[in-house]
């Protein structure tokens, strides 16, 4: 059963030194989890989008790493980072531009910003686990209304992943990351938990599975 605990990073100001350190930790953790490779593989079956929205995308560095894997096959994509904080740096934007992609930020609550746009594809990395099932069902219904494709890479809830989450100190993680890593796994997903929350209407092909070593993948494709 999923257990949700408040995560410290969610309640720190963007420029708080502990938050800055924790975001650097998360970049390393994403690399260890192979998140960008897993996301790029999940997206590879989708047609090239004109507009891609990344929910809870933070500083944009994760999606940038995904873009580097896809830009040759997906030229000229416009990216919208939807987040409570506008923390995508000018340097990150310029790196998107060097790939031929355009990156912008839409700041605010997801439930207020997502209805303003009609993306071809919506992506999520390590964000859905922050929401309880009621909020998740509401968000997934909104995605199904607005987009043609959806891909999420979330923490896999397993004994192995939980044990590993207690070891992030070995990566030099600070106290924020050490706390949040464990909380993330406890709130993570397994089996078909996200599929069961997707709107049960026809016209969508769903896929959900674990991906080694610590990731849970969910895909939805309009057909």
N, C-alpha and C. Protein backbone atom coordinates (compact mmCIF):
# COMPACT_ATOMS: atom_id res chain seq x y z
N UNK A 1 0.84 -1.20 0.00
CA UNK A 1 0.00 0.00 0.00
C UNK A 1 0.88 1.25 0.00
N UNK A 2 0.48 2.23 -0.81
CA UNK A 2 1.21 3.49 -0.84
C UNK A 2 1.04 4.23 0.47
N UNK A 3 2.12 4.85 0.95
CA UNK A 3 2.08 5.68 2.14
C UNK A 3 2.73 7.01 1.80
N UNK A 4 1.98 8.09 1.93
CA UNK A 4 2.48 9.41 1.57
C UNK A 4 2.97 10.16 2.80
N UNK A 5 4.20 10.65 2.71
CA UNK A 5 4.78 11.52 3.72
C UNK A 5 5.17 12.83 3.05
N UNK A 6 5.05 13.98 3.74
CA UNK A 6 5.51 15.24 3.15
C UNK A 6 7.00 15.17 2.84
N UNK A 7 7.38 15.68 1.67
CA UNK A 7 8.79 15.73 1.30
C UNK A 7 9.34 17.12 1.54
N UNK A 8 10.52 17.18 2.11
CA UNK A 8 11.08 18.46 2.57
C UNK A 8 11.30 19.42 1.42
N UNK A 9 11.80 18.93 0.29
CA UNK A 9 12.14 19.82 -0.82
C UNK A 9 10.93 20.61 -1.31
N UNK A 10 9.75 20.01 -1.21
CA UNK A 10 8.54 20.67 -1.69
C UNK A 10 8.22 21.94 -0.91
N UNK A 11 8.79 22.07 0.28
CA UNK A 11 8.44 23.18 1.16
C UNK A 11 9.60 24.16 1.37
N UNK A 12 10.67 24.00 0.60
CA UNK A 12 11.80 24.91 0.70
C UNK A 12 11.74 25.95 -0.41
N UNK A 13 12.18 27.16 -0.11
CA UNK A 13 12.27 28.19 -1.14
C UNK A 13 13.26 27.77 -2.21
N UNK A 14 13.04 28.25 -3.44
CA UNK A 14 13.86 27.83 -4.57
C UNK A 14 15.35 28.08 -4.34
N UNK A 15 15.69 29.18 -3.67
CA UNK A 15 17.09 29.55 -3.49
C UNK A 15 17.65 29.11 -2.14
N UNK A 16 16.89 28.38 -1.36
CA UNK A 16 17.40 27.85 -0.10
C UNK A 16 18.61 26.95 -0.41
N UNK A 17 19.74 27.12 0.29
CA UNK A 17 20.92 26.30 0.00
C UNK A 17 20.67 24.81 0.08
N UNK A 18 19.80 24.39 1.01
CA UNK A 18 19.49 22.96 1.11
C UNK A 18 18.71 22.48 -0.12
N UNK A 19 17.85 23.36 -0.65
CA UNK A 19 17.11 23.01 -1.86
C UNK A 19 18.03 22.92 -3.07
N UNK A 20 18.95 23.87 -3.18
CA UNK A 20 19.90 23.85 -4.29
C UNK A 20 20.74 22.58 -4.25
N UNK A 21 21.19 22.22 -3.06
CA UNK A 21 21.99 21.00 -2.91
C UNK A 21 21.15 19.77 -3.24
N UNK A 22 19.90 19.75 -2.80
CA UNK A 22 19.05 18.59 -3.03
C UNK A 22 18.75 18.41 -4.52
N UNK A 23 18.58 19.50 -5.25
CA UNK A 23 18.34 19.38 -6.69
C UNK A 23 19.57 18.82 -7.40
N UNK A 24 20.76 19.17 -6.91
CA UNK A 24 21.97 18.56 -7.47
C UNK A 24 22.00 17.06 -7.14
N UNK A 25 21.59 16.72 -5.93
CA UNK A 25 21.51 15.31 -5.56
C UNK A 25 20.56 14.56 -6.49
N UNK A 26 19.42 15.19 -6.79
CA UNK A 26 18.41 14.53 -7.62
C UNK A 26 18.95 14.27 -9.02
N UNK A 27 19.79 15.17 -9.52
CA UNK A 27 20.39 14.94 -10.84
C UNK A 27 21.24 13.66 -10.82
N UNK A 28 21.98 13.47 -9.72
CA UNK A 28 22.79 12.25 -9.60
C UNK A 28 21.90 11.02 -9.45
N UNK A 29 20.85 11.15 -8.67
CA UNK A 29 19.94 10.01 -8.46
C UNK A 29 19.23 9.64 -9.76
N UNK A 30 18.83 10.65 -10.53
CA UNK A 30 18.24 10.36 -11.84
C UNK A 30 19.20 9.57 -12.72
N UNK A 31 20.48 9.92 -12.64
CA UNK A 31 21.48 9.20 -13.44
C UNK A 31 21.62 7.76 -12.98
N UNK A 32 21.67 7.55 -11.66
CA UNK A 32 21.78 6.19 -11.12
C UNK A 32 20.55 5.37 -11.49
N UNK A 33 19.39 5.98 -11.45
CA UNK A 33 18.15 5.28 -11.78
C UNK A 33 17.96 5.09 -13.29
N UNK A 34 18.81 5.72 -14.10
CA UNK A 34 18.71 5.65 -15.56
C UNK A 34 17.40 6.27 -16.06
N UNK A 35 16.95 7.30 -15.37
CA UNK A 35 15.64 7.86 -15.66
C UNK A 35 15.53 8.43 -17.08
N UNK A 36 16.54 9.15 -17.54
CA UNK A 36 16.42 9.76 -18.86
C UNK A 36 16.39 8.70 -19.96
N UNK A 37 17.18 7.65 -19.80
CA UNK A 37 17.16 6.57 -20.79
C UNK A 37 15.82 5.85 -20.78
N UNK A 38 15.29 5.61 -19.59
CA UNK A 38 13.99 4.93 -19.47
C UNK A 38 12.88 5.79 -20.06
N UNK A 39 12.91 7.10 -19.78
CA UNK A 39 11.88 7.98 -20.34
C UNK A 39 11.99 8.05 -21.86
N UNK A 40 13.20 8.19 -22.38
CA UNK A 40 13.36 8.26 -23.83
C UNK A 40 12.85 6.99 -24.50
N UNK A 41 13.10 5.85 -23.89
CA UNK A 41 12.59 4.60 -24.45
C UNK A 41 11.06 4.57 -24.40
N UNK A 42 10.48 5.04 -23.30
CA UNK A 42 9.02 5.07 -23.18
C UNK A 42 8.40 5.96 -24.25
N UNK A 43 9.08 7.05 -24.60
CA UNK A 43 8.56 8.00 -25.57
C UNK A 43 8.82 7.59 -27.01
N UNK A 44 9.70 6.63 -27.22
CA UNK A 44 10.16 6.32 -28.57
C UNK A 44 9.06 5.80 -29.49
N UNK A 45 7.99 5.26 -28.92
CA UNK A 45 6.91 4.74 -29.75
C UNK A 45 5.89 5.82 -30.13
N UNK A 46 6.02 7.02 -29.58
CA UNK A 46 5.08 8.10 -29.87
C UNK A 46 5.52 8.87 -31.12
N UNK A 47 4.58 9.38 -31.91
CA UNK A 47 4.95 10.29 -33.00
C UNK A 47 5.59 11.55 -32.43
N UNK A 48 6.45 12.17 -33.21
CA UNK A 48 7.12 13.39 -32.77
C UNK A 48 6.09 14.46 -32.44
N UNK A 49 6.16 15.05 -31.26
CA UNK A 49 5.19 16.08 -30.88
C UNK A 49 5.63 17.47 -31.34
N UNK A 50 4.67 18.36 -31.46
CA UNK A 50 4.98 19.77 -31.63
C UNK A 50 5.12 20.44 -30.27
N UNK A 51 4.25 20.02 -29.33
CA UNK A 51 4.26 20.60 -27.98
C UNK A 51 4.30 19.48 -26.95
N UNK A 52 5.28 19.54 -26.07
CA UNK A 52 5.44 18.57 -24.99
C UNK A 52 5.39 19.31 -23.67
N UNK A 53 4.55 18.86 -22.77
CA UNK A 53 4.44 19.47 -21.44
C UNK A 53 5.02 18.53 -20.40
N UNK A 54 5.92 19.04 -19.57
CA UNK A 54 6.55 18.26 -18.51
C UNK A 54 6.03 18.74 -17.18
N UNK A 55 5.28 17.89 -16.48
CA UNK A 55 4.64 18.29 -15.23
C UNK A 55 5.61 18.19 -14.07
N UNK A 56 5.68 19.24 -13.26
CA UNK A 56 6.59 19.23 -12.12
C UNK A 56 8.03 19.12 -12.56
N UNK A 57 8.37 19.76 -13.68
CA UNK A 57 9.68 19.58 -14.30
C UNK A 57 10.83 20.30 -13.64
N UNK A 58 10.55 21.10 -12.61
CA UNK A 58 11.62 21.74 -11.84
C UNK A 58 12.54 22.59 -12.68
N UNK A 59 13.85 22.33 -12.57
CA UNK A 59 14.83 23.16 -13.27
C UNK A 59 15.03 22.76 -14.73
N UNK A 60 14.31 21.73 -15.19
CA UNK A 60 14.37 21.35 -16.59
C UNK A 60 15.52 20.48 -17.01
N UNK A 61 16.45 20.21 -16.08
CA UNK A 61 17.64 19.46 -16.48
C UNK A 61 17.33 18.01 -16.83
N UNK A 62 16.32 17.43 -16.16
CA UNK A 62 15.98 16.06 -16.50
C UNK A 62 15.45 15.98 -17.93
N UNK A 63 14.50 16.85 -18.27
CA UNK A 63 13.94 16.80 -19.62
C UNK A 63 15.00 17.14 -20.66
N UNK A 64 15.95 17.99 -20.31
CA UNK A 64 17.05 18.29 -21.23
C UNK A 64 17.83 17.02 -21.55
N UNK A 65 18.07 16.20 -20.55
CA UNK A 65 18.80 14.95 -20.79
C UNK A 65 18.00 14.00 -21.67
N UNK A 66 16.67 14.03 -21.54
CA UNK A 66 15.81 13.24 -22.42
C UNK A 66 15.86 13.81 -23.84
N UNK A 67 15.81 15.14 -23.94
CA UNK A 67 15.83 15.79 -25.25
C UNK A 67 17.10 15.43 -26.03
N UNK A 68 18.21 15.33 -25.34
CA UNK A 68 19.45 14.97 -26.02
C UNK A 68 19.36 13.60 -26.69
N UNK A 69 18.55 12.72 -26.14
CA UNK A 69 18.38 11.38 -26.70
C UNK A 69 17.37 11.34 -27.85
N UNK A 70 16.50 12.36 -27.91
CA UNK A 70 15.39 12.31 -28.87
C UNK A 70 15.46 13.37 -29.96
N UNK A 71 16.30 14.38 -29.80
CA UNK A 71 16.26 15.56 -30.68
C UNK A 71 16.48 15.20 -32.15
N UNK A 72 17.31 14.21 -32.42
CA UNK A 72 17.57 13.87 -33.82
C UNK A 72 16.31 13.34 -34.50
N UNK A 73 15.52 12.56 -33.76
CA UNK A 73 14.29 11.99 -34.33
C UNK A 73 13.10 12.92 -34.15
N UNK A 74 13.19 13.80 -33.16
CA UNK A 74 12.10 14.73 -32.87
C UNK A 74 12.62 16.16 -33.00
N UNK A 75 12.71 16.70 -34.21
CA UNK A 75 13.22 18.07 -34.35
C UNK A 75 12.15 19.12 -34.03
N UNK A 76 12.61 20.26 -33.55
CA UNK A 76 11.75 21.42 -33.41
C UNK A 76 10.64 21.32 -32.39
N UNK A 77 10.85 20.59 -31.31
CA UNK A 77 9.82 20.45 -30.28
C UNK A 77 9.78 21.69 -29.39
N UNK A 78 8.58 22.12 -29.06
CA UNK A 78 8.42 23.16 -28.03
C UNK A 78 8.11 22.48 -26.72
N UNK A 79 8.85 22.84 -25.69
CA UNK A 79 8.71 22.26 -24.36
C UNK A 79 8.14 23.29 -23.40
N UNK A 80 7.15 22.86 -22.64
CA UNK A 80 6.64 23.68 -21.54
C UNK A 80 6.90 22.95 -20.23
N UNK A 81 7.66 23.58 -19.35
CA UNK A 81 7.90 23.04 -18.02
C UNK A 81 6.83 23.62 -17.09
N UNK A 82 5.95 22.77 -16.59
CA UNK A 82 4.90 23.20 -15.67
C UNK A 82 5.35 22.92 -14.24
N UNK A 83 5.48 23.98 -13.45
CA UNK A 83 5.99 23.82 -12.10
C UNK A 83 5.54 24.98 -11.23
N UNK A 84 5.53 24.75 -9.93
CA UNK A 84 5.19 25.80 -8.98
C UNK A 84 6.25 26.90 -8.97
N UNK A 85 7.49 26.53 -9.32
CA UNK A 85 8.59 27.48 -9.29
C UNK A 85 9.17 27.64 -10.69
N UNK A 86 9.53 28.86 -11.04
CA UNK A 86 10.17 29.13 -12.33
C UNK A 86 11.68 29.14 -12.11
N UNK A 87 12.30 27.97 -12.21
CA UNK A 87 13.72 27.84 -11.86
C UNK A 87 14.54 27.27 -13.02
N UNK A 88 14.02 27.31 -14.23
CA UNK A 88 14.80 26.88 -15.39
C UNK A 88 15.76 28.01 -15.74
N UNK A 89 17.05 27.70 -15.72
CA UNK A 89 18.06 28.73 -15.93
C UNK A 89 18.19 29.10 -17.41
N UNK A 90 18.79 30.28 -17.65
CA UNK A 90 19.06 30.70 -19.03
C UNK A 90 19.99 29.71 -19.72
N UNK A 91 20.93 29.14 -18.95
CA UNK A 91 21.84 28.16 -19.53
C UNK A 91 21.12 26.91 -19.99
N UNK A 92 20.15 26.44 -19.20
CA UNK A 92 19.37 25.26 -19.60
C UNK A 92 18.54 25.56 -20.83
N UNK A 93 17.94 26.74 -20.89
CA UNK A 93 17.16 27.13 -22.07
C UNK A 93 18.04 27.15 -23.32
N UNK A 94 19.24 27.68 -23.17
CA UNK A 94 20.14 27.75 -24.33
C UNK A 94 20.58 26.38 -24.79
N UNK A 95 20.70 25.43 -23.86
CA UNK A 95 21.05 24.07 -24.25
C UNK A 95 19.89 23.39 -24.99
N UNK A 96 18.66 23.68 -24.58
CA UNK A 96 17.51 23.21 -25.37
C UNK A 96 17.57 23.80 -26.78
N UNK A 97 17.85 25.11 -26.85
CA UNK A 97 17.89 25.80 -28.14
C UNK A 97 18.97 25.20 -29.05
N UNK A 98 20.09 24.80 -28.46
CA UNK A 98 21.17 24.20 -29.25
C UNK A 98 20.74 22.88 -29.88
N UNK A 99 19.74 22.23 -29.28
CA UNK A 99 19.20 20.99 -29.82
C UNK A 99 18.09 21.25 -30.84
N UNK A 100 17.72 22.53 -31.00
CA UNK A 100 16.62 22.87 -31.89
C UNK A 100 15.27 22.84 -31.21
N UNK A 101 15.27 22.76 -29.89
CA UNK A 101 14.03 22.76 -29.11
C UNK A 101 13.87 24.12 -28.43
N UNK A 102 12.63 24.50 -28.20
CA UNK A 102 12.31 25.75 -27.51
C UNK A 102 11.72 25.41 -26.15
N UNK A 103 12.26 25.99 -25.10
CA UNK A 103 11.82 25.68 -23.73
C UNK A 103 11.25 26.93 -23.06
N UNK A 104 10.03 26.78 -22.52
CA UNK A 104 9.41 27.84 -21.74
C UNK A 104 8.88 27.25 -20.44
N UNK A 105 8.58 28.13 -19.49
CA UNK A 105 8.05 27.73 -18.18
C UNK A 105 6.65 28.26 -18.02
N UNK A 106 5.75 27.42 -17.53
CA UNK A 106 4.40 27.83 -17.16
C UNK A 106 4.27 27.60 -15.66
N UNK A 107 4.34 28.68 -14.90
CA UNK A 107 4.41 28.59 -13.44
C UNK A 107 3.03 28.59 -12.83
N UNK A 108 2.84 27.72 -11.83
CA UNK A 108 1.59 27.69 -11.10
C UNK A 108 1.19 26.28 -10.74
N UNK A 109 0.03 26.15 -10.15
CA UNK A 109 -0.51 24.85 -9.78
C UNK A 109 -0.86 24.05 -11.04
N UNK A 110 -0.50 22.77 -11.05
CA UNK A 110 -0.73 21.92 -12.22
C UNK A 110 -2.19 21.93 -12.64
N UNK A 111 -3.09 21.89 -11.69
CA UNK A 111 -4.51 21.81 -12.01
C UNK A 111 -5.04 23.11 -12.60
N UNK A 112 -4.27 24.18 -12.49
CA UNK A 112 -4.65 25.45 -13.09
C UNK A 112 -3.93 25.69 -14.42
N UNK A 113 -2.69 25.22 -14.53
CA UNK A 113 -1.91 25.50 -15.74
C UNK A 113 -2.18 24.50 -16.86
N UNK A 114 -2.34 23.22 -16.53
CA UNK A 114 -2.53 22.23 -17.58
C UNK A 114 -3.78 22.50 -18.42
N UNK A 115 -4.91 22.92 -17.83
CA UNK A 115 -6.08 23.21 -18.66
C UNK A 115 -5.89 24.36 -19.65
N UNK A 116 -4.81 25.13 -19.50
CA UNK A 116 -4.56 26.26 -20.40
C UNK A 116 -3.92 25.85 -21.71
N UNK A 117 -3.45 24.61 -21.81
CA UNK A 117 -2.69 24.19 -22.97
C UNK A 117 -3.26 22.89 -23.53
N UNK A 118 -2.84 22.55 -24.75
CA UNK A 118 -3.25 21.31 -25.39
C UNK A 118 -2.01 20.63 -25.96
N UNK A 119 -1.20 20.00 -25.10
CA UNK A 119 0.04 19.39 -25.57
C UNK A 119 -0.23 18.09 -26.32
N UNK A 120 0.68 17.75 -27.21
CA UNK A 120 0.60 16.43 -27.86
C UNK A 120 0.96 15.33 -26.87
N UNK A 121 2.01 15.57 -26.09
CA UNK A 121 2.50 14.59 -25.13
C UNK A 121 2.72 15.27 -23.78
N UNK A 122 2.39 14.57 -22.72
CA UNK A 122 2.68 15.02 -21.35
C UNK A 122 3.65 14.01 -20.74
N UNK A 123 4.69 14.52 -20.10
CA UNK A 123 5.65 13.66 -19.40
C UNK A 123 5.70 14.03 -17.93
N UNK A 124 6.08 13.05 -17.12
CA UNK A 124 6.22 13.25 -15.68
C UNK A 124 7.39 12.41 -15.19
N UNK A 125 8.26 13.02 -14.41
CA UNK A 125 9.37 12.28 -13.81
C UNK A 125 9.37 12.54 -12.31
N UNK A 126 9.15 11.48 -11.53
CA UNK A 126 9.22 11.55 -10.06
C UNK A 126 8.33 12.66 -9.50
N UNK A 127 7.09 12.69 -9.99
CA UNK A 127 6.15 13.71 -9.53
C UNK A 127 4.82 13.13 -9.07
N UNK A 128 4.31 12.13 -9.77
CA UNK A 128 2.99 11.60 -9.46
C UNK A 128 2.91 11.05 -8.04
N UNK A 129 4.02 10.54 -7.53
CA UNK A 129 3.98 9.92 -6.20
C UNK A 129 3.71 10.93 -5.08
N UNK A 130 3.78 12.22 -5.40
CA UNK A 130 3.44 13.25 -4.41
C UNK A 130 1.94 13.33 -4.16
N UNK A 131 1.14 12.76 -5.05
CA UNK A 131 -0.31 12.94 -5.01
C UNK A 131 -1.00 11.71 -4.45
N UNK A 132 -2.08 11.94 -3.70
CA UNK A 132 -2.88 10.81 -3.26
C UNK A 132 -3.74 10.32 -4.43
N UNK A 133 -4.42 9.19 -4.25
CA UNK A 133 -5.13 8.57 -5.37
C UNK A 133 -6.23 9.46 -5.93
N UNK A 134 -6.91 10.21 -5.08
CA UNK A 134 -7.98 11.08 -5.58
C UNK A 134 -7.40 12.17 -6.48
N UNK A 135 -6.32 12.80 -6.04
CA UNK A 135 -5.68 13.83 -6.85
C UNK A 135 -5.08 13.24 -8.12
N UNK A 136 -4.52 12.04 -8.00
CA UNK A 136 -3.97 11.37 -9.18
C UNK A 136 -5.04 11.11 -10.22
N UNK A 137 -6.17 10.57 -9.80
CA UNK A 137 -7.26 10.29 -10.73
C UNK A 137 -7.72 11.58 -11.41
N UNK A 138 -7.78 12.65 -10.66
CA UNK A 138 -8.18 13.94 -11.22
C UNK A 138 -7.15 14.42 -12.26
N UNK A 139 -5.86 14.28 -11.93
CA UNK A 139 -4.82 14.73 -12.85
C UNK A 139 -4.79 13.87 -14.11
N UNK A 140 -4.89 12.56 -13.96
CA UNK A 140 -4.85 11.68 -15.13
C UNK A 140 -6.05 11.91 -16.04
N UNK A 141 -7.20 12.20 -15.46
CA UNK A 141 -8.38 12.53 -16.27
C UNK A 141 -8.14 13.81 -17.07
N UNK A 142 -7.48 14.77 -16.44
CA UNK A 142 -7.17 16.03 -17.12
C UNK A 142 -6.19 15.80 -18.26
N UNK A 143 -5.18 14.97 -18.00
CA UNK A 143 -4.21 14.64 -19.06
C UNK A 143 -4.92 13.97 -20.24
N UNK A 144 -5.82 13.03 -19.95
CA UNK A 144 -6.54 12.32 -21.01
C UNK A 144 -7.40 13.27 -21.83
N UNK A 145 -7.87 14.34 -21.22
CA UNK A 145 -8.67 15.33 -21.94
C UNK A 145 -7.82 16.21 -22.85
N UNK A 146 -6.56 16.48 -22.42
CA UNK A 146 -5.76 17.50 -23.08
C UNK A 146 -4.73 16.96 -24.06
N UNK A 147 -4.27 15.72 -23.88
CA UNK A 147 -3.11 15.22 -24.63
C UNK A 147 -3.44 13.96 -25.42
N UNK A 148 -2.50 13.57 -26.27
CA UNK A 148 -2.62 12.35 -27.06
C UNK A 148 -1.70 11.24 -26.55
N UNK A 149 -0.74 11.63 -25.72
CA UNK A 149 0.19 10.65 -25.18
C UNK A 149 0.68 11.08 -23.82
N UNK A 150 1.02 10.10 -22.99
CA UNK A 150 1.46 10.37 -21.62
C UNK A 150 2.49 9.34 -21.23
N UNK A 151 3.57 9.79 -20.61
CA UNK A 151 4.59 8.87 -20.12
C UNK A 151 5.08 9.35 -18.76
N UNK A 152 5.13 8.42 -17.80
CA UNK A 152 5.56 8.75 -16.43
C UNK A 152 6.62 7.76 -15.98
N UNK A 153 7.66 8.29 -15.35
CA UNK A 153 8.69 7.48 -14.70
C UNK A 153 8.68 7.84 -13.22
N UNK A 154 8.26 6.90 -12.41
CA UNK A 154 8.04 7.15 -10.99
C UNK A 154 8.84 6.17 -10.14
N UNK A 155 8.94 6.40 -8.83
CA UNK A 155 9.63 5.42 -7.97
C UNK A 155 8.89 4.09 -7.95
N UNK A 156 9.64 3.02 -8.02
CA UNK A 156 9.06 1.69 -7.90
C UNK A 156 9.01 1.31 -6.43
N UNK A 157 7.85 0.94 -5.95
CA UNK A 157 7.68 0.58 -4.54
C UNK A 157 8.03 -0.88 -4.35
N UNK A 158 9.21 -1.13 -3.83
CA UNK A 158 9.68 -2.50 -3.64
C UNK A 158 10.66 -2.53 -2.48
N UNK A 159 10.89 -3.70 -1.95
CA UNK A 159 11.86 -3.85 -0.86
C UNK A 159 13.25 -3.43 -1.32
N UNK A 160 13.62 -3.84 -2.54
CA UNK A 160 14.94 -3.50 -3.09
C UNK A 160 15.10 -1.99 -3.20
N UNK A 161 14.08 -1.31 -3.76
CA UNK A 161 14.17 0.14 -3.91
C UNK A 161 14.20 0.84 -2.55
N UNK A 162 13.45 0.32 -1.59
CA UNK A 162 13.44 0.94 -0.26
C UNK A 162 14.81 0.81 0.41
N UNK A 163 15.41 -0.36 0.29
CA UNK A 163 16.76 -0.54 0.83
C UNK A 163 17.73 0.44 0.18
N UNK A 164 17.64 0.59 -1.14
CA UNK A 164 18.54 1.49 -1.85
C UNK A 164 18.30 2.94 -1.45
N UNK A 165 17.05 3.30 -1.17
CA UNK A 165 16.76 4.68 -0.81
C UNK A 165 17.44 5.08 0.51
N UNK A 166 17.66 4.10 1.36
CA UNK A 166 18.36 4.39 2.62
C UNK A 166 19.87 4.54 2.43
N UNK A 167 20.35 4.28 1.22
CA UNK A 167 21.79 4.33 0.96
C UNK A 167 22.21 5.55 0.16
N UNK A 168 21.31 6.50 -0.08
CA UNK A 168 21.68 7.63 -0.92
C UNK A 168 22.74 8.51 -0.27
N UNK A 169 22.99 8.33 1.00
CA UNK A 169 24.08 9.06 1.66
C UNK A 169 25.40 8.74 0.97
N UNK A 170 25.50 7.55 0.37
CA UNK A 170 26.73 7.14 -0.31
C UNK A 170 27.00 7.99 -1.55
N UNK A 171 25.97 8.67 -2.05
CA UNK A 171 26.13 9.59 -3.18
C UNK A 171 26.45 11.00 -2.71
N UNK A 172 26.60 11.18 -1.40
CA UNK A 172 26.85 12.50 -0.85
C UNK A 172 25.60 13.32 -0.66
N UNK A 173 24.45 12.66 -0.62
CA UNK A 173 23.16 13.37 -0.52
C UNK A 173 23.02 14.07 0.82
N UNK A 174 22.38 15.22 0.79
CA UNK A 174 22.17 15.97 2.03
C UNK A 174 20.94 15.44 2.78
N UNK A 175 20.63 16.06 3.90
CA UNK A 175 19.55 15.56 4.76
C UNK A 175 18.20 15.61 4.06
N UNK A 176 17.99 16.62 3.22
CA UNK A 176 16.73 16.74 2.50
C UNK A 176 16.54 15.54 1.57
N UNK A 177 17.57 15.25 0.81
CA UNK A 177 17.49 14.15 -0.15
C UNK A 177 17.39 12.81 0.55
N UNK A 178 18.11 12.65 1.66
CA UNK A 178 18.05 11.37 2.38
C UNK A 178 16.63 11.11 2.89
N UNK A 179 15.99 12.13 3.40
CA UNK A 179 14.60 11.98 3.86
C UNK A 179 13.66 11.71 2.69
N UNK A 180 13.78 12.54 1.64
CA UNK A 180 12.82 12.48 0.55
C UNK A 180 12.95 11.21 -0.28
N UNK A 181 14.15 10.65 -0.36
CA UNK A 181 14.34 9.42 -1.13
C UNK A 181 13.51 8.29 -0.54
N UNK A 182 13.54 8.15 0.77
CA UNK A 182 12.76 7.10 1.44
C UNK A 182 11.27 7.37 1.29
N UNK A 183 10.87 8.64 1.49
CA UNK A 183 9.45 8.99 1.35
C UNK A 183 8.95 8.71 -0.06
N UNK A 184 9.79 8.96 -1.05
CA UNK A 184 9.39 8.75 -2.45
C UNK A 184 9.09 7.29 -2.73
N UNK A 185 9.94 6.40 -2.24
CA UNK A 185 9.73 4.97 -2.49
C UNK A 185 8.46 4.49 -1.79
N UNK A 186 8.24 4.93 -0.57
CA UNK A 186 7.04 4.50 0.16
C UNK A 186 5.77 4.98 -0.54
N UNK A 187 5.85 6.09 -1.27
CA UNK A 187 4.69 6.62 -1.99
C UNK A 187 4.66 6.18 -3.45
N UNK A 188 5.60 5.32 -3.83
CA UNK A 188 5.73 4.91 -5.22
C UNK A 188 4.66 3.93 -5.66
N UNK A 189 4.91 3.31 -6.81
CA UNK A 189 3.88 2.50 -7.47
C UNK A 189 4.40 1.10 -7.80
N UNK A 190 3.45 0.19 -8.01
CA UNK A 190 3.76 -1.15 -8.44
C UNK A 190 2.56 -1.72 -9.17
N UNK A 191 2.77 -2.86 -9.83
CA UNK A 191 1.70 -3.56 -10.54
C UNK A 191 0.98 -2.61 -11.51
N UNK A 192 -0.35 -2.55 -11.42
CA UNK A 192 -1.14 -1.73 -12.36
C UNK A 192 -1.86 -0.59 -11.64
N UNK A 193 -1.23 -0.04 -10.61
CA UNK A 193 -1.91 0.96 -9.78
C UNK A 193 -2.27 2.22 -10.56
N UNK A 194 -1.41 2.65 -11.47
CA UNK A 194 -1.73 3.86 -12.24
C UNK A 194 -2.75 3.57 -13.33
N UNK A 195 -2.66 2.40 -13.94
CA UNK A 195 -3.65 2.03 -14.97
C UNK A 195 -5.06 2.05 -14.39
N UNK A 196 -5.20 1.61 -13.16
CA UNK A 196 -6.51 1.56 -12.53
C UNK A 196 -7.07 2.96 -12.26
N UNK A 197 -6.19 3.95 -12.19
CA UNK A 197 -6.63 5.32 -11.95
C UNK A 197 -6.87 6.09 -13.24
N UNK A 198 -6.42 5.54 -14.38
CA UNK A 198 -6.64 6.20 -15.66
C UNK A 198 -8.13 6.15 -16.01
N UNK A 199 -8.67 7.20 -16.64
CA UNK A 199 -10.10 7.18 -16.99
C UNK A 199 -10.45 5.93 -17.80
N UNK A 200 -11.48 5.26 -17.41
CA UNK A 200 -11.83 3.99 -18.04
C UNK A 200 -12.75 4.22 -19.24
N UNK A 201 -12.21 4.95 -20.21
CA UNK A 201 -12.93 5.14 -21.46
C UNK A 201 -12.12 4.53 -22.60
N UNK A 202 -12.78 4.24 -23.69
CA UNK A 202 -12.11 3.60 -24.80
C UNK A 202 -11.22 4.60 -25.53
N UNK A 203 -10.31 4.06 -26.33
CA UNK A 203 -9.48 4.91 -27.17
C UNK A 203 -8.09 5.14 -26.64
N UNK A 204 -7.69 4.43 -25.57
CA UNK A 204 -6.35 4.57 -25.02
C UNK A 204 -5.70 3.20 -24.87
N UNK A 205 -4.44 3.13 -25.27
CA UNK A 205 -3.64 1.94 -25.05
C UNK A 205 -2.72 2.20 -23.86
N UNK A 206 -2.83 1.38 -22.82
CA UNK A 206 -2.08 1.59 -21.59
C UNK A 206 -0.98 0.55 -21.45
N UNK A 207 0.12 0.96 -20.82
CA UNK A 207 1.20 0.05 -20.50
C UNK A 207 1.81 0.45 -19.16
N UNK A 208 2.12 -0.54 -18.34
CA UNK A 208 2.65 -0.25 -17.00
C UNK A 208 3.56 -1.39 -16.57
N UNK A 209 4.76 -1.03 -16.13
CA UNK A 209 5.72 -2.07 -15.77
C UNK A 209 6.87 -1.48 -14.94
N UNK A 210 7.57 -2.35 -14.24
CA UNK A 210 8.78 -1.95 -13.56
C UNK A 210 9.93 -1.93 -14.53
N UNK A 211 10.91 -1.05 -14.29
CA UNK A 211 12.10 -0.96 -15.13
C UNK A 211 13.32 -0.92 -14.22
N UNK A 212 14.25 -1.82 -14.45
CA UNK A 212 15.44 -1.93 -13.60
C UNK A 212 16.24 -0.63 -13.63
N UNK A 213 16.77 -0.18 -12.48
CA UNK A 213 16.70 -0.88 -11.20
C UNK A 213 15.59 -0.41 -10.25
N UNK A 214 15.14 0.87 -10.38
CA UNK A 214 14.26 1.39 -9.33
C UNK A 214 13.03 2.13 -9.86
N UNK A 215 12.68 1.96 -11.12
CA UNK A 215 11.69 2.83 -11.75
C UNK A 215 10.41 2.08 -12.09
N UNK A 216 9.29 2.78 -11.97
CA UNK A 216 7.99 2.27 -12.39
C UNK A 216 7.52 3.13 -13.56
N UNK A 217 7.20 2.49 -14.68
CA UNK A 217 6.85 3.20 -15.90
C UNK A 217 5.37 3.03 -16.21
N UNK A 218 4.74 4.13 -16.57
CA UNK A 218 3.34 4.10 -17.03
C UNK A 218 3.25 4.88 -18.33
N UNK A 219 2.56 4.29 -19.32
CA UNK A 219 2.35 4.95 -20.62
C UNK A 219 0.89 4.89 -21.00
N UNK A 220 0.43 5.93 -21.67
CA UNK A 220 -0.91 5.94 -22.24
C UNK A 220 -0.83 6.59 -23.61
N UNK A 221 -1.40 5.93 -24.61
CA UNK A 221 -1.31 6.40 -25.99
C UNK A 221 -2.70 6.38 -26.61
N UNK A 222 -3.18 7.50 -27.08
CA UNK A 222 -4.48 7.54 -27.74
C UNK A 222 -4.42 6.78 -29.06
N UNK A 223 -5.41 5.94 -29.29
CA UNK A 223 -5.44 5.12 -30.51
C UNK A 223 -6.78 5.29 -31.23
